[in-house]
C-alpha atoms as a PDB file:
ATOM      1  CA  MET A   1      65.252  52.650 -57.086  1.00  0.00           C
ATOM      2  CA  ARG A   2      65.022  49.910 -58.562  1.00  0.00           C
ATOM      3  CA  VAL A   3      63.354  48.331 -56.023  1.00  0.00           C
ATOM      4  CA  LEU A   4      60.403  50.652 -56.800  1.00  0.00           C
ATOM      5  CA  ALA A   5      60.472  49.939 -59.900  1.00  0.00           C
ATOM      6  CA  ILE A   6      59.881  45.888 -59.912  1.00  0.00           C
ATOM      7  CA  GLY A   7      57.342  46.775 -56.950  1.00  0.00           C
ATOM      8  CA  PHE A   8      55.179  48.719 -59.357  1.00  0.00           C
ATOM      9  CA  ALA A   9      55.757  45.958 -62.289  1.00  0.00           C
ATOM     10  CA  VAL A  10      54.333  43.155 -59.808  1.00  0.00           C
ATOM     11  CA  LEU A  11      51.376  45.597 -58.435  1.00  0.00           C
ATOM     12  CA  VAL A  12      50.561  45.851 -61.683  1.00  0.00           C
ATOM     13  CA  VAL A  13      50.916  42.035 -63.135  1.00  0.00           C
ATOM     14  CA  THR A  14      48.551  41.051 -60.498  1.00  0.00           C
ATOM     15  CA  ALA A  15      46.452  43.809 -61.208  1.00  0.00           C
ATOM     16  CA  ALA A  16      45.252  43.280 -64.321  1.00  0.00           C
ATOM     17  CA  PRO A  17      43.478  39.820 -63.768  1.00  0.00           C
ATOM     18  CA  ALA A  18      41.738  41.227 -60.927  1.00  0.00           C
ATOM     19  CA  SER A  19      39.966  43.935 -63.057  1.00  0.00           C
ATOM     20  CA  ALA A  20      39.213  41.883 -65.569  1.00  0.00           C
ATOM     21  CA  GLN A  21      37.286  39.181 -63.805  1.00  0.00           C
ATOM     22  CA  ILE A  22      35.378  41.754 -62.002  1.00  0.00           C
ATOM     23  CA  ALA A  23      34.682  42.804 -66.488  1.00  0.00           C
ATOM     24  CA  GLY A  24      33.756  39.596 -66.753  1.00  0.00           C
ATOM     25  CA  SER A  25      31.545  39.202 -63.938  1.00  0.00           C
ATOM     26  CA  MET A  26      29.376  42.098 -64.675  1.00  0.00           C
ATOM     27  CA  ARG A  27      28.774  40.856 -68.217  1.00  0.00           C
ATOM     28  CA  GLY A  28      25.611  39.076 -66.278  1.00  0.00           C
ATOM     29  CA  LEU A  29      24.322  41.786 -64.924  1.00  0.00           C
ATOM     30  CA  SER A  30      24.008  44.116 -67.730  1.00  0.00           C
ATOM     31  CA  GLY A  31      21.051  42.408 -69.843  1.00  0.00           C
ATOM     32  CA  SER A  32      23.591  41.487 -72.438  1.00  0.00           C
ATOM     33  CA  PRO A  33      23.531  37.751 -73.015  1.00  0.00           C
ATOM     34  CA  SER A  34      26.738  35.844 -71.039  1.00  0.00           C
ATOM     35  CA  LEU A  35      29.158  33.447 -72.199  1.00  0.00           C
ATOM     36  CA  ARG A  36      27.958  30.706 -70.416  1.00  0.00           C
ATOM     37  CA  GLY A  37      25.775  29.799 -72.895  1.00  0.00           C
ATOM     38  CA  ASP A  38      22.192  31.533 -72.998  1.00  0.00           C
ATOM     39  CA  ILE A  39      22.083  31.515 -76.012  1.00  0.00           C
ATOM     40  CA  ARG A  40      18.870  29.777 -77.279  1.00  0.00           C
ATOM     41  CA  LEU A  41      17.531  28.279 -79.909  1.00  0.00           C
ATOM     42  CA  PRO A  42      13.688  29.458 -80.966  1.00  0.00           C
ATOM     43  CA  GLU A  43      10.826  27.575 -79.802  1.00  0.00           C
ATOM     44  CA  PRO A  44       8.701  25.278 -82.017  1.00  0.00           C
ATOM     45  CA  ALA A  45       5.689  26.729 -83.320  1.00  0.00           C
ATOM     46  CA  GLU A  46       2.498  26.240 -81.585  1.00  0.00           C
ATOM     47  CA  PRO A  47       0.941  22.662 -83.189  1.00  0.00           C
ATOM     48  CA  ARG A  48      -2.096  24.201 -84.270  1.00  0.00           C
ATOM     49  CA  LEU A  49      -0.202  26.930 -86.041  1.00  0.00           C
ATOM     50  CA  VAL A  50       2.359  24.295 -87.553  1.00  0.00           C
ATOM     51  CA  ARG A  51      -0.897  22.458 -89.485  1.00  0.00           C
ATOM     52  CA  SER A  52      -2.181  25.665 -91.037  1.00  0.00           C
ATOM     53  CA  VAL A  53       2.029  25.245 -92.935  1.00  0.00           C
ATOM     54  CA  SER A  54       1.123  23.821 -96.032  1.00  0.00           C
ATOM     55  CA  VAL A  55       3.204  24.745 -98.479  1.00  0.00           C
ATOM     56  CA  GLY A  56       3.762  22.132-100.241  1.00  0.00           C
ATOM     57  CA  ARG A  57       0.082  22.251-101.371  1.00  0.00           C
ATOM     58  CA  GLU A  58       0.321  26.333-102.155  1.00  0.00           C
ATOM     59  CA  VAL A  59       3.238  26.064-104.122  1.00  0.00           C
ATOM     60  CA  ARG A  60       1.686  23.169-106.631  1.00  0.00           C
ATOM     61  CA  GLY A  61      -0.974  25.176-106.531  1.00  0.00           C
ATOM     62  CA  ILE A  62       1.254  28.008-108.087  1.00  0.00           C
ATOM     63  CA  ARG A  63       3.000  25.732-110.083  1.00  0.00           C
ATOM     64  CA  GLY A  64      -0.145  24.650-111.891  1.00  0.00           C
ATOM     65  CA  ASP A  65      -1.092  28.614-112.676  1.00  0.00           C
ATOM     66  CA  ILE A  66       3.131  28.458-113.683  1.00  0.00           C
ATOM     67  CA  GLU A  67       1.936  25.767-116.335  1.00  0.00           C
ATOM     68  CA  ALA A  68      -2.132  27.427-117.068  1.00  0.00           C
ATOM     69  CA  GLY A  69       0.556  30.701-117.896  1.00  0.00           C
ATOM     70  CA  ARG A  70       2.674  28.804-120.141  1.00  0.00           C
ATOM     71  CA  ARG A  71       0.184  27.016-122.285  1.00  0.00           C
ATOM     72  CA  ALA A  72      -1.405  30.346-122.592  1.00  0.00           C
ATOM     73  CA  GLY A  73       1.250  32.314-123.707  1.00  0.00           C
ATOM     74  CA  GLN A  74       1.808  34.723-120.981  1.00  0.00           C
ATOM     75  CA  LEU A  75       4.901  33.307-119.698  1.00  0.00           C
ATOM     76  CA  SER A  76       7.960  32.170-121.453  1.00  0.00           C
ATOM     77  CA  ARG A  77      10.002  29.478-121.374  1.00  0.00           C
ATOM     78  CA  SER A  78      12.724  31.071-119.124  1.00  0.00           C
ATOM     79  CA  GLU A  79      10.237  32.889-116.756  1.00  0.00           C
ATOM     80  CA  ALA A  80       8.738  30.001-116.079  1.00  0.00           C
ATOM     81  CA  ARG A  81      12.206  28.492-115.148  1.00  0.00           C
ATOM     82  CA  ALA A  82      12.932  30.597-112.995  1.00  0.00           C
ATOM     83  CA  LEU A  83       9.378  30.987-111.180  1.00  0.00           C
ATOM     84  CA  ARG A  84       9.573  27.153-110.565  1.00  0.00           C
ATOM     85  CA  ARG A  85      13.166  27.455-109.086  1.00  0.00           C
ATOM     86  CA  GLU A  86      11.753  29.547-106.457  1.00  0.00           C
ATOM     87  CA  GLY A  87       8.785  27.036-106.132  1.00  0.00           C
ATOM     88  CA  HIS A  88      12.079  24.598-105.253  1.00  0.00           C
ATOM     89  CA  ARG A  89      13.401  26.857-103.430  1.00  0.00           C
ATOM     90  CA  ILE A  90      10.480  26.938-101.180  1.00  0.00           C
ATOM     91  CA  GLU A  91      10.093  23.319-100.340  1.00  0.00           C
ATOM     92  CA  ALA A  92      13.595  22.820-100.122  1.00  0.00           C
ATOM     93  CA  ILE A  93      13.559  25.450 -97.075  1.00  0.00           C
ATOM     94  CA  SER A  94      10.850  24.117 -95.989  1.00  0.00           C
ATOM     95  CA  GLU A  95      11.844  21.051 -95.725  1.00  0.00           C
ATOM     96  CA  ARG A  96      14.643  21.814 -93.853  1.00  0.00           C
ATOM     97  CA  TYR A  97      12.857  23.563 -91.643  1.00  0.00           C
ATOM     98  CA  GLY A  98      10.806  20.867 -90.651  1.00  0.00           C
ATOM     99  CA  ARG A  99      13.156  18.552 -89.746  1.00  0.00           C
ATOM    100  CA  ASP A 100      12.607  19.933 -86.295  1.00  0.00           C
ATOM    101  CA  GLY A 101       9.483  21.655 -85.996  1.00  0.00           C
ATOM    102  CA  TYR A 102       8.976  25.128 -87.329  1.00  0.00           C
ATOM    103  CA  SER A 103       9.620  28.435 -85.277  1.00  0.00           C
ATOM    104  CA  TYR A 104       6.461  31.623 -85.832  1.00  0.00           C
ATOM    105  CA  ALA A 105       9.639  33.094 -87.719  1.00  0.00           C
ATOM    106  CA  GLU A 106      10.004  30.344 -90.292  1.00  0.00           C
ATOM    107  CA  ILE A 107       6.374  29.778 -91.046  1.00  0.00           C
ATOM    108  CA  MET A 108       6.484  33.512 -91.564  1.00  0.00           C
ATOM    109  CA  MET A 109       9.010  34.128 -93.171  1.00  0.00           C
ATOM    110  CA  LEU A 110       7.877  30.972 -95.778  1.00  0.00           C
ATOM    111  CA  ARG A 111       4.575  32.518 -96.178  1.00  0.00           C
ATOM    112  CA  SER A 112       5.882  35.558 -97.330  1.00  0.00           C
ATOM    113  CA  ARG A 113       8.039  33.819 -99.760  1.00  0.00           C
ATOM    114  CA  THR A 114       5.338  31.764-100.823  1.00  0.00           C
ATOM    115  CA  GLU A 115       2.864  34.686-101.624  1.00  0.00           C
ATOM    116  CA  ALA A 116       5.637  36.527-103.101  1.00  0.00           C
ATOM    117  CA  LEU A 117       6.038  33.761-105.756  1.00  0.00           C
ATOM    118  CA  ARG A 118       2.408  34.033-105.583  1.00  0.00           C
ATOM    119  CA  SER A 119       2.012  37.220-106.990  1.00  0.00           C
ATOM    120  CA  ALA A 120       5.459  37.041-109.729  1.00  0.00           C
ATOM    121  CA  VAL A 121       3.194  34.737-110.904  1.00  0.00           C
ATOM    122  CA  VAL A 122       0.382  36.886-111.558  1.00  0.00           C
ATOM    123  CA  ALA A 123       2.429  39.927-112.342  1.00  0.00           C
ATOM    124  CA  LYS A 124       4.247  38.507-114.988  1.00  0.00           C
ATOM    125  CA  ARG A 125       0.441  35.822-116.352  1.00  0.00           C
ATOM    126  CA  SER A 126      -0.873  40.228-116.287  1.00  0.00           C
ATOM    127  CA  ASP A 127       2.178  41.813-118.104  1.00  0.00           C
ATOM    128  CA  GLY A 128      -0.075  41.685-121.391  1.00  0.00           C
ATOM    129  CA  ARG A 129       1.745  38.901-123.513  1.00  0.00           C
END
């Protein structure tokens, strides 16, 4: 009886690593990335597309609109400060992304944030102040 229990324990111990190896080798076949470094960085966007990214120019234009709204009394000091701060955030993100080349997703994110800032400035200025 004791010999049978020891034999069963040896069988269980030797079978466990084999099942783990089989499961590990199937990971790459299931369509999911394996754990061996298949994660890749996004490719930089096309040069034509990158040249069209003019975040700095766009934000400077928006900043001019903010100052015009402040002078006209359409924006309070705190509203103008918050809008300017968002413009600075967008420029900082653009600079960070531009160091290693923009990906398409980064360009789209920058454009959408810039457009959201422009829309916020227009909405705040047209509130009827």
